[in-house]
Amino acid sequence: MQCGWSLLGPLQWIRYINKQVKVKTGKDEEHRGWLLTVDPVSASLVLVNFHDDAVGGGRASVQVVMGHAVQEVQVLQDADQETTERLQSSFLPPRARPLAPEQLGQRRAGVRRWLEENRVPVQEDGEELLVAGALTIMAPYGPEDCCSSNQIILDRVQRLIQSQPAALPNHGVESPNHRAEAPNHSAALPANQPIQRLIQSQTAPPADQSERSSCD
């Protein structure tokens, strides 16, 4: 049980994250839910409740309790691992949600095949893809996961990955139509500038580009 909620500060608030709490805001008013986060400025609480019955259909509802109205916060129970993971992933966009190891493996293999089809030298190094020793592609292997100090090669490989057919190698699955047709490289590669030749000529970047990187 905790009074003076707004005076605690972030270091104390974090102890309540991922816990089911009861929040008293008035003489006969209280709110219950899993504490997802606390606004560091207003001390407002974001409570989540899961609805897994036939009516709720597995939805999650969110309620914001204003920090200035909080009179008392009481912890009811800690979240188990399943609930914690559900809280962390429920409000993330699909692209940000973690993928299972087998899904990452399929995506890595799909990106490698796409690069090889476009005559780009690539090899696997553990969970990373190395492109001609000049660029690294990390999981989950999207255009934004490319890392290189050479901006020209970085831009070209990112555009190539972005042009990858989403329903084919990106998920490690080939359709019958894809197997029956030869891949169309013209959409991804300019005819007068194959990316392999570009990589070979740009392996040693100019001094004004050597400091640029998209590594986050």
C-alpha atoms as a PDB file:
ATOM      1  CA  MET A   1       0.000   0.000   0.000  1.00  0.00           C
ATOM      2  CA  GLN A   2       1.413   3.379  -0.988  1.00  0.00           C
ATOM      3  CA  CYS A   3       0.219   6.938  -0.307  1.00  0.00           C
ATOM      4  CA  GLY A   4       1.752  10.158  -1.650  1.00  0.00           C
ATOM      5  CA  TRP A   5       2.090   8.578  -5.101  1.00  0.00           C
ATOM      6  CA  SER A   6       3.113  11.696  -7.012  1.00  0.00           C
ATOM      7  CA  LEU A   7       5.976  12.341  -4.562  1.00  0.00           C
ATOM      8  CA  LEU A   8       7.660   8.959  -5.021  1.00  0.00           C
ATOM      9  CA  GLY A   9       9.438   9.572  -8.320  1.00  0.00           C
ATOM     10  CA  PRO A  10      10.482   7.204 -11.150  1.00  0.00           C
ATOM     11  CA  LEU A  11      12.843   5.034  -9.084  1.00  0.00           C
ATOM     12  CA  GLN A  12       9.943   4.045  -6.835  1.00  0.00           C
ATOM     13  CA  TRP A  13       7.271   3.908  -9.525  1.00  0.00           C
ATOM     14  CA  ILE A  14       9.227   1.327 -11.513  1.00  0.00           C
ATOM     15  CA  ARG A  15       8.730  -1.158  -8.677  1.00  0.00           C
ATOM     16  CA  TYR A  16       5.029  -1.240  -9.531  1.00  0.00           C
ATOM     17  CA  ILE A  17       5.425  -1.883 -13.262  1.00  0.00           C
ATOM     18  CA  ASN A  18       4.012  -5.244 -14.478  1.00  0.00           C
ATOM     19  CA  LYS A  19       2.038  -5.672 -11.271  1.00  0.00           C
ATOM     20  CA  GLN A  20      -1.705  -5.813 -10.806  1.00  0.00           C
ATOM     21  CA  VAL A  21      -2.639  -2.835  -8.679  1.00  0.00           C
ATOM     22  CA  LYS A  22      -5.648  -1.232  -7.036  1.00  0.00           C
ATOM     23  CA  VAL A  23      -5.648   2.543  -7.296  1.00  0.00           C
ATOM     24  CA  LYS A  24      -7.823   4.604  -4.992  1.00  0.00           C
ATOM     25  CA  THR A  25      -8.753   8.021  -6.379  1.00  0.00           C
ATOM     26  CA  GLY A  26     -11.687   9.038  -4.207  1.00  0.00           C
ATOM     27  CA  LYS A  27     -13.676   8.108  -1.156  1.00  0.00           C
ATOM     28  CA  ASP A  28     -15.537   5.332  -2.957  1.00  0.00           C
ATOM     29  CA  GLU A  29     -13.671   5.230  -6.267  1.00  0.00           C
ATOM     30  CA  GLU A  30     -10.978   2.759  -7.221  1.00  0.00           C
ATOM     31  CA  HIS A  31      -9.437   1.316 -10.382  1.00  0.00           C
ATOM     32  CA  ARG A  32      -7.777  -2.065 -10.977  1.00  0.00           C
ATOM     33  CA  GLY A  33      -5.471  -3.297 -13.677  1.00  0.00           C
ATOM     34  CA  TRP A  34      -1.935  -4.259 -14.676  1.00  0.00           C
ATOM     35  CA  LEU A  35       0.368  -1.249 -14.443  1.00  0.00           C
ATOM     36  CA  LEU A  36       1.987  -0.845 -17.856  1.00  0.00           C
ATOM     37  CA  THR A  37       3.833   2.435 -17.298  1.00  0.00           C
ATOM     38  CA  VAL A  38       3.854   5.699 -15.351  1.00  0.00           C
ATOM     39  CA  ASP A  39       4.161   9.103 -16.953  1.00  0.00           C
ATOM     40  CA  PRO A  40       7.328  10.677 -15.467  1.00  0.00           C
ATOM     41  CA  VAL A  41       5.912  14.215 -15.590  1.00  0.00           C
ATOM     42  CA  SER A  42       2.324  13.853 -14.387  1.00  0.00           C
ATOM     43  CA  ALA A  43       2.720  10.594 -12.384  1.00  0.00           C
ATOM     44  CA  SER A  44      -0.330   9.273 -14.263  1.00  0.00           C
ATOM     45  CA  LEU A  45      -0.755   5.497 -14.324  1.00  0.00           C
ATOM     46  CA  VAL A  46      -1.557   3.463 -17.436  1.00  0.00           C
ATOM     47  CA  LEU A  47      -3.578   0.407 -16.432  1.00  0.00           C
ATOM     48  CA  VAL A  48      -4.274  -2.551 -18.723  1.00  0.00           C
ATOM     49  CA  ASN A  49      -6.975  -5.172 -18.370  1.00  0.00           C
ATOM     50  CA  PHE A  50      -7.211  -8.249 -20.603  1.00  0.00           C
ATOM     51  CA  HIS A  51     -10.573  -9.548 -21.773  1.00  0.00           C
ATOM     52  CA  ASP A  52     -10.235 -13.194 -22.784  1.00  0.00           C
ATOM     53  CA  ASP A  53     -13.884 -14.185 -22.575  1.00  0.00           C
ATOM     54  CA  ALA A  54     -16.200 -14.699 -25.534  1.00  0.00           C
ATOM     55  CA  VAL A  55     -17.417 -11.117 -25.333  1.00  0.00           C
ATOM     56  CA  GLY A  56     -13.992  -9.502 -25.033  1.00  0.00           C
ATOM     57  CA  GLY A  57     -12.444 -11.700 -27.693  1.00  0.00           C
ATOM     58  CA  GLY A  58      -8.924 -11.442 -26.302  1.00  0.00           C
ATOM     59  CA  ARG A  59      -8.839  -7.638 -26.364  1.00  0.00           C
ATOM     60  CA  ALA A  60      -6.904  -5.425 -23.987  1.00  0.00           C
ATOM     61  CA  SER A  61      -8.419  -2.243 -22.589  1.00  0.00           C
ATOM     62  CA  VAL A  62      -6.379   0.716 -21.370  1.00  0.00           C
ATOM     63  CA  GLN A  63      -7.230   3.193 -18.647  1.00  0.00           C
ATOM     64  CA  VAL A  64      -5.250   6.260 -17.629  1.00  0.00           C
ATOM     65  CA  VAL A  65      -5.493   7.356 -14.008  1.00  0.00           C
ATOM     66  CA  MET A  66      -4.316  10.923 -13.517  1.00  0.00           C
ATOM     67  CA  GLY A  67      -1.468  11.193 -11.036  1.00  0.00           C
ATOM     68  CA  HIS A  68      -2.858  14.176  -9.130  1.00  0.00           C
ATOM     69  CA  ALA A  69      -6.002  12.187  -8.310  1.00  0.00           C
ATOM     70  CA  VAL A  70      -4.198   9.147  -6.866  1.00  0.00           C
ATOM     71  CA  GLN A  71      -4.650   8.742  -3.142  1.00  0.00           C
ATOM     72  CA  GLU A  72      -3.387   5.218  -2.681  1.00  0.00           C
ATOM     73  CA  VAL A  73      -1.812   2.402  -4.729  1.00  0.00           C
ATOM     74  CA  GLN A  74      -1.926  -1.187  -3.551  1.00  0.00           C
ATOM     75  CA  VAL A  75      -0.195  -4.141  -5.237  1.00  0.00           C
ATOM     76  CA  LEU A  76      -2.515  -7.111  -5.683  1.00  0.00           C
ATOM     77  CA  GLN A  77      -0.175  -9.561  -7.432  1.00  0.00           C
ATOM     78  CA  ASP A  78       2.942  -9.814  -9.568  1.00  0.00           C
ATOM     79  CA  ALA A  79       2.674 -10.744 -13.240  1.00  0.00           C
ATOM     80  CA  ASP A  80       3.875 -14.170 -14.321  1.00  0.00           C
ATOM     81  CA  GLN A  81       6.126 -14.485 -17.375  1.00  0.00           C
ATOM     82  CA  GLU A  82       3.216 -14.935 -19.792  1.00  0.00           C
ATOM     83  CA  THR A  83       1.424 -11.829 -18.519  1.00  0.00           C
ATOM     84  CA  THR A  84       4.636  -9.790 -18.582  1.00  0.00           C
ATOM     85  CA  GLU A  85       5.318 -10.724 -22.215  1.00  0.00           C
ATOM     86  CA  ARG A  86       1.719  -9.954 -23.097  1.00  0.00           C
ATOM     87  CA  LEU A  87       1.960  -6.524 -21.507  1.00  0.00           C
ATOM     88  CA  GLN A  88       5.179  -5.755 -23.334  1.00  0.00           C
ATOM     89  CA  SER A  89       3.897  -6.836 -26.753  1.00  0.00           C
ATOM     90  CA  SER A  90       0.219  -5.849 -26.695  1.00  0.00           C
ATOM     91  CA  PHE A  91       0.730  -2.257 -27.806  1.00  0.00           C
ATOM     92  CA  LEU A  92       3.758  -2.612 -30.052  1.00  0.00           C
ATOM     93  CA  PRO A  93       3.340  -2.372 -33.828  1.00  0.00           C
ATOM     94  CA  PRO A  94       3.627  -5.768 -35.567  1.00  0.00           C
ATOM     95  CA  ARG A  95       7.079  -4.906 -36.972  1.00  0.00           C
ATOM     96  CA  ALA A  96       8.452  -4.361 -33.477  1.00  0.00           C
ATOM     97  CA  ARG A  97       7.172  -7.555 -31.933  1.00  0.00           C
ATOM     98  CA  PRO A  98       9.883 -10.169 -31.377  1.00  0.00           C
ATOM     99  CA  LEU A  99      10.000 -13.069 -33.838  1.00  0.00           C
ATOM    100  CA  ALA A 100      10.476 -16.712 -32.945  1.00  0.00           C
ATOM    101  CA  PRO A 101      13.915 -18.183 -33.790  1.00  0.00           C
ATOM    102  CA  GLU A 102      12.486 -20.233 -36.665  1.00  0.00           C
ATOM    103  CA  GLN A 103      10.837 -17.117 -38.121  1.00  0.00           C
ATOM    104  CA  LEU A 104      14.134 -15.235 -37.945  1.00  0.00           C
ATOM    105  CA  GLY A 105      15.868 -18.150 -39.671  1.00  0.00           C
ATOM    106  CA  GLN A 106      13.317 -18.139 -42.476  1.00  0.00           C
ATOM    107  CA  ARG A 107      13.602 -14.397 -42.935  1.00  0.00           C
ATOM    108  CA  ARG A 108      17.412 -14.530 -42.928  1.00  0.00           C
ATOM    109  CA  ALA A 109      17.390 -17.293 -45.550  1.00  0.00           C
ATOM    110  CA  GLY A 110      14.873 -15.374 -47.651  1.00  0.00           C
ATOM    111  CA  VAL A 111      16.919 -12.178 -47.642  1.00  0.00           C
ATOM    112  CA  ARG A 112      20.069 -14.126 -48.512  1.00  0.00           C
ATOM    113  CA  ARG A 113      18.356 -15.802 -51.472  1.00  0.00           C
ATOM    114  CA  TRP A 114      17.048 -12.467 -52.702  1.00  0.00           C
ATOM    115  CA  LEU A 115      20.508 -10.907 -52.572  1.00  0.00           C
ATOM    116  CA  GLU A 116      22.071 -13.906 -54.333  1.00  0.00           C
ATOM    117  CA  GLU A 117      19.395 -13.768 -57.061  1.00  0.00           C
ATOM    118  CA  ASN A 118      20.460 -10.172 -57.616  1.00  0.00           C
ATOM    119  CA  ARG A 119      24.141 -11.179 -57.867  1.00  0.00           C
ATOM    120  CA  VAL A 120      25.124  -9.671 -54.525  1.00  0.00           C
ATOM    121  CA  PRO A 121      27.896 -11.560 -52.686  1.00  0.00           C
ATOM    122  CA  VAL A 122      26.554 -12.474 -49.251  1.00  0.00           C
ATOM    123  CA  GLN A 123      27.381 -14.977 -46.524  1.00  0.00           C
ATOM    124  CA  GLU A 124      26.022 -15.853 -43.100  1.00  0.00           C
ATOM    125  CA  ASP A 125      28.015 -15.126 -39.957  1.00  0.00           C
ATOM    126  CA  GLY A 126      26.008 -16.584 -37.104  1.00  0.00           C
ATOM    127  CA  GLU A 127      22.751 -14.648 -37.049  1.00  0.00           C
ATOM    128  CA  GLU A 128      24.083 -11.856 -39.266  1.00  0.00           C
ATOM    129  CA  LEU A 129      24.439 -11.514 -43.026  1.00  0.00           C
ATOM    130  CA  LEU A 130      27.679 -10.067 -44.385  1.00  0.00           C
ATOM    131  CA  VAL A 131      27.545  -8.375 -47.781  1.00  0.00           C
ATOM    132  CA  ALA A 132      30.913  -8.251 -49.567  1.00  0.00           C
ATOM    133  CA  GLY A 133      32.683  -7.375 -46.338  1.00  0.00           C
ATOM    134  CA  ALA A 134      31.214  -3.887 -46.573  1.00  0.00           C
ATOM    135  CA  LEU A 135      27.795  -4.185 -44.946  1.00  0.00           C
ATOM    136  CA  THR A 136      26.121  -6.147 -42.142  1.00  0.00           C
ATOM    137  CA  ILE A 137      22.432  -7.070 -41.948  1.00  0.00           C
ATOM    138  CA  MET A 138      21.200  -7.887 -38.455  1.00  0.00           C
ATOM    139  CA  ALA A 139      17.964  -9.491 -37.283  1.00  0.00           C
ATOM    140  CA  PRO A 140      15.160  -9.107 -38.203  1.00  0.00           C
ATOM    141  CA  TYR A 141      16.790  -8.384 -41.594  1.00  0.00           C
ATOM    142  CA  GLY A 142      14.812  -5.398 -42.823  1.00  0.00           C
ATOM    143  CA  PRO A 143      16.176  -2.348 -44.669  1.00  0.00           C
ATOM    144  CA  GLU A 144      16.580  -0.499 -41.354  1.00  0.00           C
ATOM    145  CA  ASP A 145      18.695  -3.364 -39.970  1.00  0.00           C
ATOM    146  CA  CYS A 146      21.542  -2.728 -42.441  1.00  0.00           C
ATOM    147  CA  CYS A 147      24.772  -1.267 -41.080  1.00  0.00           C
ATOM    148  CA  SER A 148      27.662   0.089 -43.133  1.00  0.00           C
ATOM    149  CA  SER A 149      30.140   2.952 -43.080  1.00  0.00           C
ATOM    150  CA  ASN A 150      29.708   3.326 -46.855  1.00  0.00           C
ATOM    151  CA  GLN A 151      26.552   5.323 -47.479  1.00  0.00           C
ATOM    152  CA  ILE A 152      26.359   4.476 -51.197  1.00  0.00           C
ATOM    153  CA  ILE A 153      26.426   0.720 -50.637  1.00  0.00           C
ATOM    154  CA  LEU A 154      24.089   1.111 -47.663  1.00  0.00           C
ATOM    155  CA  ASP A 155      21.484   2.957 -49.744  1.00  0.00           C
ATOM    156  CA  ARG A 156      21.654   0.441 -52.597  1.00  0.00           C
ATOM    157  CA  VAL A 157      21.312  -2.644 -50.390  1.00  0.00           C
ATOM    158  CA  GLN A 158      18.502  -1.084 -48.383  1.00  0.00           C
ATOM    159  CA  ARG A 159      16.580  -0.327 -51.570  1.00  0.00           C
ATOM    160  CA  LEU A 160      17.209  -3.847 -52.822  1.00  0.00           C
ATOM    161  CA  ILE A 161      15.865  -5.408 -49.626  1.00  0.00           C
ATOM    162  CA  GLN A 162      12.895  -3.070 -49.724  1.00  0.00           C
ATOM    163  CA  SER A 163      12.073  -4.302 -53.238  1.00  0.00           C
ATOM    164  CA  GLN A 164      12.046  -7.939 -52.113  1.00  0.00           C
ATOM    165  CA  PRO A 165       8.689  -9.627 -52.844  1.00  0.00           C
ATOM    166  CA  ALA A 166       7.004  -9.815 -49.457  1.00  0.00           C
ATOM    167  CA  ALA A 167       5.179 -13.079 -50.117  1.00  0.00           C
ATOM    168  CA  LEU A 168       8.189 -14.980 -51.397  1.00  0.00           C
ATOM    169  CA  PRO A 169      11.718 -15.227 -49.933  1.00  0.00           C
ATOM    170  CA  ASN A 170      11.048 -12.707 -47.162  1.00  0.00           C
ATOM    171  CA  HIS A 171       9.185 -15.417 -45.292  1.00  0.00           C
ATOM    172  CA  GLY A 172      11.189 -18.369 -46.570  1.00  0.00           C
ATOM    173  CA  VAL A 173       8.281 -19.629 -48.683  1.00  0.00           C
ATOM    174  CA  GLU A 174       8.169 -19.934 -52.440  1.00  0.00           C
ATOM    175  CA  SER A 175       4.905 -20.053 -54.314  1.00  0.00           C
ATOM    176  CA  PRO A 176       4.342 -22.290 -57.347  1.00  0.00           C
ATOM    177  CA  ASN A 177       4.047 -19.191 -59.555  1.00  0.00           C
ATOM    178  CA  HIS A 178       7.435 -17.954 -58.384  1.00  0.00           C
ATOM    179  CA  ARG A 179       9.111 -21.268 -59.186  1.00  0.00           C
ATOM    180  CA  ALA A 180       7.631 -21.221 -62.690  1.00  0.00           C
ATOM    181  CA  GLU A 181       8.897 -17.737 -63.521  1.00  0.00           C
ATOM    182  CA  ALA A 182      12.414 -16.406 -63.831  1.00  0.00           C
ATOM    183  CA  PRO A 183      13.153 -13.639 -61.336  1.00  0.00           C
ATOM    184  CA  ASN A 184      12.874 -10.108 -62.662  1.00  0.00           C
ATOM    185  CA  HIS A 185      16.078  -8.311 -61.741  1.00  0.00           C
ATOM    186  CA  SER A 186      15.411  -5.203 -63.774  1.00  0.00           C
ATOM    187  CA  ALA A 187      13.094  -3.722 -61.162  1.00  0.00           C
ATOM    188  CA  ALA A 188      15.740  -3.953 -58.448  1.00  0.00           C
ATOM    189  CA  LEU A 189      18.985  -3.251 -60.321  1.00  0.00           C
ATOM    190  CA  PRO A 190      19.810  -0.458 -62.761  1.00  0.00           C
ATOM    191  CA  ALA A 191      21.066  -2.101 -65.957  1.00  0.00           C
ATOM    192  CA  ASN A 192      24.096   0.153 -66.244  1.00  0.00           C
ATOM    193  CA  GLN A 193      25.204  -0.199 -62.604  1.00  0.00           C
ATOM    194  CA  PRO A 194      25.054  -3.755 -61.190  1.00  0.00           C
ATOM    195  CA  ILE A 195      25.247  -3.655 -57.426  1.00  0.00           C
ATOM    196  CA  GLN A 196      28.100  -6.171 -57.354  1.00  0.00           C
ATOM    197  CA  ARG A 197      30.268  -3.821 -59.441  1.00  0.00           C
ATOM    198  CA  LEU A 198      29.243  -0.948 -57.191  1.00  0.00           C
ATOM    199  CA  ILE A 199      30.280  -2.866 -54.068  1.00  0.00           C
ATOM    200  CA  GLN A 200      33.636  -3.764 -55.586  1.00  0.00           C
ATOM    201  CA  SER A 201      34.316  -0.159 -56.524  1.00  0.00           C
ATOM    202  CA  GLN A 202      33.106   1.263 -53.229  1.00  0.00           C
ATOM    203  CA  THR A 203      34.699  -1.166 -50.758  1.00  0.00           C
ATOM    204  CA  ALA A 204      37.161   1.561 -49.759  1.00  0.00           C
ATOM    205  CA  PRO A 205      34.877   4.589 -49.156  1.00  0.00           C
ATOM    206  CA  PRO A 206      36.079   8.162 -49.656  1.00  0.00           C
ATOM    207  CA  ALA A 207      37.211  10.003 -46.554  1.00  0.00           C
ATOM    208  CA  ASP A 208      34.112  12.181 -46.413  1.00  0.00           C
ATOM    209  CA  GLN A 209      31.876   9.088 -46.294  1.00  0.00           C
ATOM    210  CA  SER A 210      33.911   6.814 -44.049  1.00  0.00           C
ATOM    211  CA  GLU A 211      32.486   8.382 -40.901  1.00  0.00           C
ATOM    212  CA  ARG A 212      28.863   7.987 -41.922  1.00  0.00           C
ATOM    213  CA  SER A 213      26.983   5.015 -40.598  1.00  0.00           C
ATOM    214  CA  SER A 214      23.422   3.890 -40.031  1.00  0.00           C
ATOM    215  CA  CYS A 215      24.305   1.684 -37.092  1.00  0.00           C
ATOM    216  CA  ASP A 216      21.927   2.374 -34.215  1.00  0.00           C
END
